[in-house]
């Protein structure tokens, strides 16, 4: 697969083994589901659809312009991005967006908080724990047990047809 855009969107061939790709599947489902639930809580609070006021206030406090827009982008990135990661569909772009989200959470929203503080109410710990698997998926892709694989195969077949002149 030579097209760099297709390769970025749908990843490479995965790991060298089915067991490694199964590990990617477990990681994708676990962290994708948890971050999707985390995002859902931000867009569905107090029994109704809409942003948590604390989220908009927090985004405003970080100095972002249009805090309501950026709060929606952050929450939807977690919710939709998490679902995409679970499915293994456009995994690398979703992981890139989630990586950015978690970097903002860890290093902007929690910039004054300690890296790890088990008894303190706030720390960078959760954002960093979410960050690690999304960075892994950004580089490794979704693996063979994913929707991305179907698109990779389709793109590879189209490339072969193109080379053969059909």
N, C-alpha and C. Protein backbone atom coordinates (compact mmCIF):
# COMPACT_ATOMS: atom_id res chain seq x y z
N UNK A 1 0.85 -1.16 0.00
CA UNK A 1 0.00 0.00 0.00
C UNK A 1 0.91 1.23 0.00
N UNK A 2 0.99 1.92 -1.12
CA UNK A 2 1.91 3.05 -1.25
C UNK A 2 1.29 4.38 -0.88
N UNK A 3 -0.01 4.52 -0.99
CA UNK A 3 -0.66 5.79 -0.74
C UNK A 3 -0.52 6.15 0.74
N UNK A 4 0.20 7.23 1.07
CA UNK A 4 0.43 7.56 2.48
C UNK A 4 -0.84 7.96 3.21
N UNK A 5 -1.80 8.53 2.52
CA UNK A 5 -3.06 8.91 3.18
C UNK A 5 -3.83 7.66 3.57
N UNK A 6 -3.93 6.70 2.67
CA UNK A 6 -4.62 5.44 2.98
C UNK A 6 -3.88 4.72 4.11
N UNK A 7 -2.57 4.73 4.05
CA UNK A 7 -1.79 4.07 5.10
C UNK A 7 -2.02 4.74 6.46
N UNK A 8 -2.08 6.09 6.49
CA UNK A 8 -2.34 6.78 7.75
C UNK A 8 -3.75 6.50 8.25
N UNK A 9 -4.73 6.55 7.35
CA UNK A 9 -6.11 6.35 7.77
C UNK A 9 -6.39 4.94 8.25
N UNK A 10 -5.82 3.96 7.58
CA UNK A 10 -6.18 2.58 7.88
C UNK A 10 -5.02 1.73 8.37
N UNK A 11 -3.86 2.33 8.60
CA UNK A 11 -2.76 1.63 9.23
C UNK A 11 -2.03 0.65 8.36
N UNK A 12 -0.99 0.08 8.94
CA UNK A 12 -0.21 -0.95 8.28
C UNK A 12 -0.78 -2.32 8.58
N UNK A 13 0.00 -3.34 8.35
CA UNK A 13 -0.51 -4.70 8.50
C UNK A 13 -0.69 -5.18 9.93
N UNK A 14 -0.37 -4.39 10.93
CA UNK A 14 -0.52 -4.83 12.32
C UNK A 14 0.77 -5.43 12.84
N UNK A 15 0.66 -6.29 13.82
CA UNK A 15 1.86 -6.91 14.39
C UNK A 15 2.22 -8.14 13.57
N UNK A 16 3.27 -8.79 13.98
CA UNK A 16 3.75 -9.96 13.25
C UNK A 16 3.00 -11.23 13.61
N UNK A 17 2.10 -11.15 14.59
CA UNK A 17 1.41 -12.38 15.01
C UNK A 17 -0.05 -12.10 15.34
N UNK A 18 -0.84 -13.15 15.26
CA UNK A 18 -2.25 -13.03 15.64
C UNK A 18 -2.38 -12.69 17.13
N UNK A 19 -1.48 -13.25 17.95
CA UNK A 19 -1.52 -12.96 19.39
C UNK A 19 -1.25 -11.47 19.65
N UNK A 20 -0.30 -10.90 18.93
CA UNK A 20 -0.02 -9.47 19.08
C UNK A 20 -1.20 -8.62 18.66
N UNK A 21 -1.84 -9.00 17.55
CA UNK A 21 -3.01 -8.27 17.09
C UNK A 21 -4.20 -8.46 18.04
N UNK A 22 -4.29 -9.62 18.66
CA UNK A 22 -5.33 -9.82 19.67
C UNK A 22 -5.08 -8.90 20.86
N UNK A 23 -3.81 -8.73 21.23
CA UNK A 23 -3.47 -7.79 22.29
C UNK A 23 -3.89 -6.37 21.94
N UNK A 24 -3.68 -5.96 20.68
CA UNK A 24 -4.13 -4.64 20.24
C UNK A 24 -5.65 -4.53 20.34
N UNK A 25 -6.36 -5.61 19.98
CA UNK A 25 -7.81 -5.62 20.08
C UNK A 25 -8.26 -5.40 21.52
N UNK A 26 -7.67 -6.12 22.45
CA UNK A 26 -8.03 -5.98 23.87
C UNK A 26 -7.77 -4.55 24.33
N UNK A 27 -6.61 -4.02 23.98
CA UNK A 27 -6.27 -2.65 24.37
C UNK A 27 -7.25 -1.65 23.75
N UNK A 28 -7.55 -1.82 22.46
CA UNK A 28 -8.48 -0.90 21.79
C UNK A 28 -9.85 -0.91 22.44
N UNK A 29 -10.38 -2.10 22.69
CA UNK A 29 -11.73 -2.21 23.26
C UNK A 29 -11.76 -1.63 24.67
N UNK A 30 -10.77 -1.96 25.48
CA UNK A 30 -10.77 -1.47 26.87
C UNK A 30 -10.64 0.06 26.92
N UNK A 31 -9.59 0.58 26.33
CA UNK A 31 -9.36 2.02 26.45
C UNK A 31 -10.32 2.83 25.59
N UNK A 32 -10.69 2.30 24.43
CA UNK A 32 -11.67 3.00 23.60
C UNK A 32 -13.02 3.11 24.30
N UNK A 33 -13.46 2.01 24.92
CA UNK A 33 -14.75 2.03 25.63
C UNK A 33 -14.71 2.98 26.82
N UNK A 34 -13.62 2.93 27.58
CA UNK A 34 -13.53 3.80 28.75
C UNK A 34 -13.49 5.28 28.36
N UNK A 35 -12.73 5.62 27.32
CA UNK A 35 -12.67 7.04 26.94
C UNK A 35 -13.99 7.47 26.32
N UNK A 36 -14.68 6.56 25.61
CA UNK A 36 -16.00 6.90 25.06
C UNK A 36 -16.99 7.17 26.19
N UNK A 37 -16.97 6.36 27.24
CA UNK A 37 -17.83 6.61 28.40
C UNK A 37 -17.46 7.92 29.09
N UNK A 38 -16.18 8.19 29.15
CA UNK A 38 -15.70 9.44 29.74
C UNK A 38 -16.24 10.63 28.94
N UNK A 39 -16.20 10.54 27.62
CA UNK A 39 -16.75 11.60 26.77
C UNK A 39 -18.25 11.69 26.86
N UNK A 40 -18.92 10.52 26.94
CA UNK A 40 -20.38 10.51 27.06
C UNK A 40 -20.82 11.26 28.31
N UNK A 41 -20.11 11.05 29.41
CA UNK A 41 -20.45 11.76 30.65
C UNK A 41 -20.34 13.27 30.49
N UNK A 42 -19.47 13.71 29.61
CA UNK A 42 -19.30 15.15 29.40
C UNK A 42 -20.41 15.74 28.54
N UNK A 43 -21.00 14.93 27.66
CA UNK A 43 -22.05 15.47 26.78
C UNK A 43 -23.46 15.06 27.21
N UNK A 44 -23.54 14.23 28.22
CA UNK A 44 -24.84 13.80 28.73
C UNK A 44 -24.79 13.85 30.25
N UNK A 45 -24.99 15.04 30.77
CA UNK A 45 -24.88 15.20 32.22
C UNK A 45 -26.23 15.53 32.83
N UNK A 46 -26.39 15.15 34.05
CA UNK A 46 -27.63 15.41 34.80
C UNK A 46 -28.87 14.92 34.07
N UNK A 47 -28.74 13.81 33.36
CA UNK A 47 -29.90 13.21 32.69
C UNK A 47 -30.35 13.90 31.42
N UNK A 48 -29.57 14.85 30.91
CA UNK A 48 -29.95 15.50 29.65
C UNK A 48 -28.72 15.67 28.77
N UNK A 49 -28.99 15.86 27.48
CA UNK A 49 -27.93 16.05 26.51
C UNK A 49 -27.42 17.49 26.59
N UNK A 50 -26.15 17.65 26.71
CA UNK A 50 -25.54 18.97 26.78
C UNK A 50 -24.27 18.90 27.60
N UNK A 51 -23.41 19.86 27.38
CA UNK A 51 -22.12 19.87 28.07
C UNK A 51 -22.27 20.15 29.56
N UNK A 52 -21.38 19.57 30.33
CA UNK A 52 -21.28 19.90 31.75
C UNK A 52 -20.79 21.34 31.85
N UNK A 53 -21.46 22.19 32.61
CA UNK A 53 -20.99 23.58 32.74
C UNK A 53 -19.55 23.68 33.24
N UNK A 54 -19.14 22.74 34.10
CA UNK A 54 -17.78 22.76 34.63
C UNK A 54 -16.75 22.57 33.52
N UNK A 55 -17.11 21.80 32.49
CA UNK A 55 -16.18 21.59 31.37
C UNK A 55 -15.96 22.88 30.61
N UNK A 56 -17.03 23.60 30.29
CA UNK A 56 -16.91 24.87 29.58
C UNK A 56 -16.11 25.86 30.43
N UNK A 57 -16.38 25.92 31.72
CA UNK A 57 -15.64 26.81 32.61
C UNK A 57 -14.16 26.44 32.65
N UNK A 58 -13.88 25.14 32.68
CA UNK A 58 -12.49 24.68 32.69
C UNK A 58 -11.76 25.04 31.41
N UNK A 59 -12.43 24.87 30.28
CA UNK A 59 -11.82 25.23 28.99
C UNK A 59 -11.58 26.73 28.92
N UNK A 60 -12.54 27.49 29.42
CA UNK A 60 -12.39 28.94 29.46
C UNK A 60 -11.21 29.34 30.35
N UNK A 61 -11.09 28.67 31.48
CA UNK A 61 -9.99 28.94 32.40
C UNK A 61 -8.62 28.61 31.82
N UNK A 62 -8.58 27.70 30.84
CA UNK A 62 -7.31 27.38 30.18
C UNK A 62 -6.93 28.41 29.13
N UNK A 63 -7.85 29.34 28.86
CA UNK A 63 -7.55 30.41 27.91
C UNK A 63 -7.90 30.12 26.47
N UNK A 64 -8.64 29.05 26.21
CA UNK A 64 -9.03 28.74 24.84
C UNK A 64 -10.07 29.75 24.36
N UNK A 65 -9.96 30.19 23.10
CA UNK A 65 -11.03 31.03 22.55
C UNK A 65 -12.25 30.15 22.31
N UNK A 66 -13.41 30.73 22.26
CA UNK A 66 -14.65 29.98 22.02
C UNK A 66 -14.71 28.73 22.91
N UNK A 67 -14.74 28.91 24.22
CA UNK A 67 -14.65 27.77 25.13
C UNK A 67 -15.76 26.74 24.95
N UNK A 68 -16.96 27.16 24.58
CA UNK A 68 -18.03 26.18 24.36
C UNK A 68 -17.70 25.29 23.17
N UNK A 69 -17.20 25.88 22.10
CA UNK A 69 -16.81 25.09 20.92
C UNK A 69 -15.70 24.11 21.27
N UNK A 70 -14.66 24.59 21.95
CA UNK A 70 -13.55 23.70 22.29
C UNK A 70 -13.96 22.63 23.30
N UNK A 71 -14.88 22.95 24.18
CA UNK A 71 -15.38 21.94 25.12
C UNK A 71 -16.13 20.85 24.36
N UNK A 72 -16.97 21.26 23.39
CA UNK A 72 -17.67 20.27 22.56
C UNK A 72 -16.67 19.42 21.79
N UNK A 73 -15.65 20.05 21.20
CA UNK A 73 -14.64 19.29 20.45
C UNK A 73 -13.93 18.28 21.33
N UNK A 74 -13.58 18.68 22.54
CA UNK A 74 -12.90 17.77 23.46
C UNK A 74 -13.80 16.60 23.84
N UNK A 75 -15.04 16.90 24.20
CA UNK A 75 -15.97 15.85 24.63
C UNK A 75 -16.31 14.90 23.47
N UNK A 76 -16.55 15.46 22.29
CA UNK A 76 -16.88 14.61 21.14
C UNK A 76 -15.67 13.81 20.67
N UNK A 77 -14.48 14.38 20.82
CA UNK A 77 -13.27 13.62 20.48
C UNK A 77 -13.18 12.38 21.36
N UNK A 78 -13.46 12.54 22.64
CA UNK A 78 -13.42 11.38 23.54
C UNK A 78 -14.52 10.38 23.22
N UNK A 79 -15.73 10.87 23.01
CA UNK A 79 -16.86 9.96 22.76
C UNK A 79 -16.74 9.27 21.40
N UNK A 80 -16.67 10.06 20.34
CA UNK A 80 -16.62 9.49 18.99
C UNK A 80 -15.28 8.79 18.75
N UNK A 81 -14.19 9.45 19.18
CA UNK A 81 -12.87 8.83 19.02
C UNK A 81 -12.78 7.49 19.73
N UNK A 82 -13.37 7.40 20.92
CA UNK A 82 -13.36 6.13 21.64
C UNK A 82 -14.11 5.04 20.90
N UNK A 83 -15.25 5.39 20.33
CA UNK A 83 -16.02 4.41 19.55
C UNK A 83 -15.23 3.96 18.33
N UNK A 84 -14.58 4.91 17.64
CA UNK A 84 -13.77 4.56 16.47
C UNK A 84 -12.61 3.64 16.85
N UNK A 85 -12.00 3.89 17.99
CA UNK A 85 -10.90 3.04 18.46
C UNK A 85 -11.42 1.63 18.77
N UNK A 86 -12.56 1.54 19.43
CA UNK A 86 -13.14 0.21 19.72
C UNK A 86 -13.34 -0.57 18.43
N UNK A 87 -13.90 0.09 17.43
CA UNK A 87 -14.17 -0.57 16.15
C UNK A 87 -12.89 -0.82 15.35
N UNK A 88 -11.87 -0.07 15.63
CA UNK A 88 -10.67 -0.17 14.81
C UNK A 88 -10.91 0.46 13.45
N UNK A 89 -11.62 1.57 13.43
CA UNK A 89 -11.95 2.27 12.19
C UNK A 89 -11.29 3.64 12.20
N UNK A 90 -10.53 3.96 11.18
CA UNK A 90 -9.67 5.15 11.13
C UNK A 90 -8.97 5.34 12.48
N UNK A 91 -8.35 4.27 12.91
CA UNK A 91 -7.77 4.21 14.25
C UNK A 91 -6.66 5.22 14.46
N UNK A 92 -5.77 5.35 13.49
CA UNK A 92 -4.66 6.29 13.68
C UNK A 92 -5.14 7.73 13.79
N UNK A 93 -6.02 8.22 12.92
CA UNK A 93 -6.52 9.58 13.12
C UNK A 93 -7.26 9.76 14.46
N UNK A 94 -8.05 8.75 14.84
CA UNK A 94 -8.74 8.83 16.13
C UNK A 94 -7.74 8.85 17.27
N UNK A 95 -6.71 8.00 17.18
CA UNK A 95 -5.68 7.97 18.23
C UNK A 95 -4.90 9.28 18.27
N UNK A 96 -4.68 9.89 17.11
CA UNK A 96 -4.00 11.18 17.07
C UNK A 96 -4.82 12.24 17.80
N UNK A 97 -6.12 12.29 17.51
CA UNK A 97 -7.00 13.26 18.16
C UNK A 97 -7.06 13.01 19.67
N UNK A 98 -7.15 11.74 20.06
CA UNK A 98 -7.20 11.41 21.48
C UNK A 98 -5.87 11.69 22.17
N UNK A 99 -4.77 11.47 21.48
CA UNK A 99 -3.46 11.80 22.02
C UNK A 99 -3.38 13.30 22.30
N UNK A 100 -3.82 14.09 21.34
CA UNK A 100 -3.83 15.55 21.53
C UNK A 100 -4.72 15.92 22.72
N UNK A 101 -5.91 15.33 22.79
CA UNK A 101 -6.84 15.60 23.90
C UNK A 101 -6.20 15.29 25.25
N UNK A 102 -5.55 14.13 25.34
CA UNK A 102 -4.95 13.73 26.61
C UNK A 102 -3.73 14.57 26.96
N UNK A 103 -2.99 15.05 25.94
CA UNK A 103 -1.87 15.97 26.21
C UNK A 103 -2.40 17.29 26.77
N UNK A 104 -3.48 17.80 26.20
CA UNK A 104 -4.08 19.03 26.73
C UNK A 104 -4.56 18.78 28.16
N UNK A 105 -5.20 17.64 28.39
CA UNK A 105 -5.68 17.34 29.75
C UNK A 105 -4.52 17.27 30.74
N UNK A 106 -3.46 16.54 30.37
CA UNK A 106 -2.35 16.34 31.30
C UNK A 106 -1.51 17.59 31.50
N UNK A 107 -1.20 18.28 30.40
CA UNK A 107 -0.19 19.34 30.48
C UNK A 107 -0.75 20.75 30.45
N UNK A 108 -2.05 20.90 30.21
CA UNK A 108 -2.67 22.22 30.26
C UNK A 108 -3.69 22.25 31.41
N UNK A 109 -4.70 21.37 31.34
CA UNK A 109 -5.74 21.37 32.38
C UNK A 109 -5.17 21.00 33.75
N UNK A 110 -4.21 20.08 33.77
CA UNK A 110 -3.64 19.61 35.04
C UNK A 110 -2.19 20.08 35.22
N UNK A 111 -1.84 21.19 34.59
CA UNK A 111 -0.43 21.63 34.62
C UNK A 111 0.07 21.88 36.04
N UNK A 112 -0.77 22.31 36.94
CA UNK A 112 -0.35 22.59 38.31
C UNK A 112 -0.44 21.35 39.21
N UNK A 113 -1.05 20.30 38.71
CA UNK A 113 -1.28 19.11 39.52
C UNK A 113 -0.06 18.19 39.48
N UNK A 114 0.12 17.38 40.51
CA UNK A 114 1.25 16.45 40.52
C UNK A 114 1.06 15.33 39.48
N UNK A 115 2.17 14.68 39.13
CA UNK A 115 2.12 13.58 38.16
C UNK A 115 1.31 12.42 38.73
N UNK A 116 1.50 12.17 40.01
CA UNK A 116 0.83 11.05 40.67
C UNK A 116 0.56 11.46 42.10
N UNK A 117 -0.66 11.33 42.52
CA UNK A 117 -1.01 11.68 43.90
C UNK A 117 -2.22 10.83 44.29
N UNK A 118 -1.97 9.65 44.84
CA UNK A 118 -3.07 8.72 45.11
C UNK A 118 -4.12 9.25 46.08
N UNK A 119 -3.75 10.14 46.98
CA UNK A 119 -4.72 10.64 47.96
C UNK A 119 -5.25 12.03 47.59
N UNK A 120 -4.69 12.65 46.58
CA UNK A 120 -5.12 14.00 46.19
C UNK A 120 -6.29 13.89 45.21
N UNK A 121 -7.15 14.89 45.20
CA UNK A 121 -8.30 14.83 44.30
C UNK A 121 -7.94 15.02 42.83
N UNK A 122 -6.79 15.64 42.54
CA UNK A 122 -6.42 15.90 41.14
C UNK A 122 -4.96 15.55 40.90
N UNK A 123 -4.70 14.96 39.73
CA UNK A 123 -3.33 14.71 39.28
C UNK A 123 -3.36 14.48 37.77
N UNK A 124 -2.18 14.36 37.19
CA UNK A 124 -2.05 14.08 35.76
C UNK A 124 -2.26 12.59 35.45
N UNK A 125 -2.35 11.78 36.48
CA UNK A 125 -2.32 10.33 36.33
C UNK A 125 -3.33 9.79 35.32
N UNK A 126 -4.60 10.13 35.44
CA UNK A 126 -5.62 9.58 34.52
C UNK A 126 -5.34 9.95 33.08
N UNK A 127 -5.02 11.22 32.84
CA UNK A 127 -4.75 11.66 31.47
C UNK A 127 -3.54 10.93 30.89
N UNK A 128 -2.51 10.73 31.70
CA UNK A 128 -1.32 10.03 31.23
C UNK A 128 -1.59 8.55 30.98
N UNK A 129 -2.43 7.96 31.84
CA UNK A 129 -2.77 6.55 31.62
C UNK A 129 -3.59 6.35 30.35
N UNK A 130 -4.43 7.31 30.00
CA UNK A 130 -5.15 7.25 28.73
C UNK A 130 -4.21 7.57 27.57
N UNK A 131 -3.27 8.47 27.78
CA UNK A 131 -2.37 8.88 26.71
C UNK A 131 -1.55 7.72 26.16
N UNK A 132 -1.01 6.90 27.02
CA UNK A 132 -0.09 5.83 26.60
C UNK A 132 -0.68 4.89 25.54
N UNK A 133 -1.86 4.32 25.74
CA UNK A 133 -2.37 3.41 24.71
C UNK A 133 -2.73 4.12 23.40
N UNK A 134 -3.12 5.39 23.48
CA UNK A 134 -3.45 6.10 22.24
C UNK A 134 -2.19 6.41 21.44
N UNK A 135 -1.08 6.66 22.12
CA UNK A 135 0.20 6.83 21.42
C UNK A 135 0.60 5.50 20.77
N UNK A 136 0.43 4.41 21.48
CA UNK A 136 0.73 3.09 20.92
C UNK A 136 -0.10 2.85 19.66
N UNK A 137 -1.40 3.11 19.73
CA UNK A 137 -2.27 2.89 18.57
C UNK A 137 -1.93 3.83 17.42
N UNK A 138 -1.48 5.03 17.74
CA UNK A 138 -1.07 5.97 16.70
C UNK A 138 0.08 5.38 15.88
N UNK A 139 1.02 4.72 16.53
CA UNK A 139 2.16 4.15 15.83
C UNK A 139 1.90 2.74 15.30
N UNK A 140 1.19 1.91 16.06
CA UNK A 140 1.00 0.51 15.66
C UNK A 140 -0.21 0.30 14.77
N UNK A 141 -1.20 1.17 14.85
CA UNK A 141 -2.44 0.94 14.12
C UNK A 141 -3.32 -0.03 14.89
N UNK A 142 -4.42 -0.42 14.27
CA UNK A 142 -5.43 -1.23 14.95
C UNK A 142 -5.14 -2.72 14.92
N UNK A 143 -4.31 -3.18 14.00
CA UNK A 143 -4.06 -4.61 13.88
C UNK A 143 -5.07 -5.29 12.98
N UNK A 144 -4.93 -6.60 12.87
CA UNK A 144 -5.74 -7.34 11.91
C UNK A 144 -7.19 -7.54 12.33
N UNK A 145 -7.52 -7.40 13.60
CA UNK A 145 -8.89 -7.59 14.06
C UNK A 145 -9.57 -6.23 14.16
N UNK A 146 -9.79 -5.61 13.00
CA UNK A 146 -10.31 -4.25 12.97
C UNK A 146 -11.02 -3.98 11.65
N UNK A 147 -11.82 -2.95 11.65
CA UNK A 147 -12.46 -2.50 10.42
C UNK A 147 -11.40 -1.95 9.47
N UNK A 148 -10.37 -1.33 10.01
CA UNK A 148 -9.29 -0.79 9.18
C UNK A 148 -8.71 -1.86 8.26
N UNK A 149 -8.61 -3.09 8.75
CA UNK A 149 -8.02 -4.16 7.93
C UNK A 149 -8.81 -4.37 6.65
N UNK A 150 -10.13 -4.31 6.74
CA UNK A 150 -10.96 -4.47 5.54
C UNK A 150 -10.65 -3.38 4.52
N UNK A 151 -10.46 -2.16 4.99
CA UNK A 151 -10.13 -1.06 4.08
C UNK A 151 -8.72 -1.20 3.53
N UNK A 152 -7.77 -1.68 4.36
CA UNK A 152 -6.41 -1.93 3.87
C UNK A 152 -6.43 -2.95 2.76
N UNK A 153 -7.17 -4.03 2.97
CA UNK A 153 -7.24 -5.09 1.94
C UNK A 153 -7.86 -4.56 0.66
N UNK A 154 -8.91 -3.78 0.81
CA UNK A 154 -9.58 -3.22 -0.38
C UNK A 154 -8.63 -2.29 -1.14
N UNK A 155 -7.90 -1.47 -0.41
CA UNK A 155 -6.94 -0.56 -1.04
C UNK A 155 -5.82 -1.34 -1.72
N UNK A 156 -5.36 -2.42 -1.08
CA UNK A 156 -4.31 -3.25 -1.68
C UNK A 156 -4.79 -3.91 -2.96
N UNK A 157 -6.04 -4.41 -2.96
CA UNK A 157 -6.59 -5.03 -4.18
C UNK A 157 -6.71 -4.01 -5.30
N UNK A 158 -7.13 -2.78 -4.95
CA UNK A 158 -7.25 -1.73 -5.96
C UNK A 158 -5.88 -1.37 -6.53
N UNK A 159 -4.87 -1.37 -5.69
CA UNK A 159 -3.51 -1.07 -6.14
C UNK A 159 -3.00 -2.14 -7.09
N UNK A 160 -3.31 -3.41 -6.78
CA UNK A 160 -2.90 -4.51 -7.65
C UNK A 160 -3.61 -4.40 -9.00
N UNK A 161 -4.89 -4.10 -8.97
CA UNK A 161 -5.64 -3.93 -10.24
C UNK A 161 -5.08 -2.79 -11.06
N UNK A 162 -4.71 -1.71 -10.37
CA UNK A 162 -4.15 -0.54 -11.06
C UNK A 162 -2.83 -0.88 -11.72
N UNK A 163 -1.98 -1.65 -11.03
CA UNK A 163 -0.68 -2.04 -11.57
C UNK A 163 -0.83 -2.99 -12.77
N UNK A 164 -1.84 -3.84 -12.70
CA UNK A 164 -2.03 -4.82 -13.78
C UNK A 164 -2.74 -4.20 -14.98
N UNK A 165 -3.19 -2.97 -14.84
CA UNK A 165 -3.80 -2.27 -15.97
C UNK A 165 -5.25 -2.54 -16.19
N UNK A 166 -5.94 -3.12 -15.22
CA UNK A 166 -7.38 -3.38 -15.35
C UNK A 166 -8.19 -2.16 -15.09
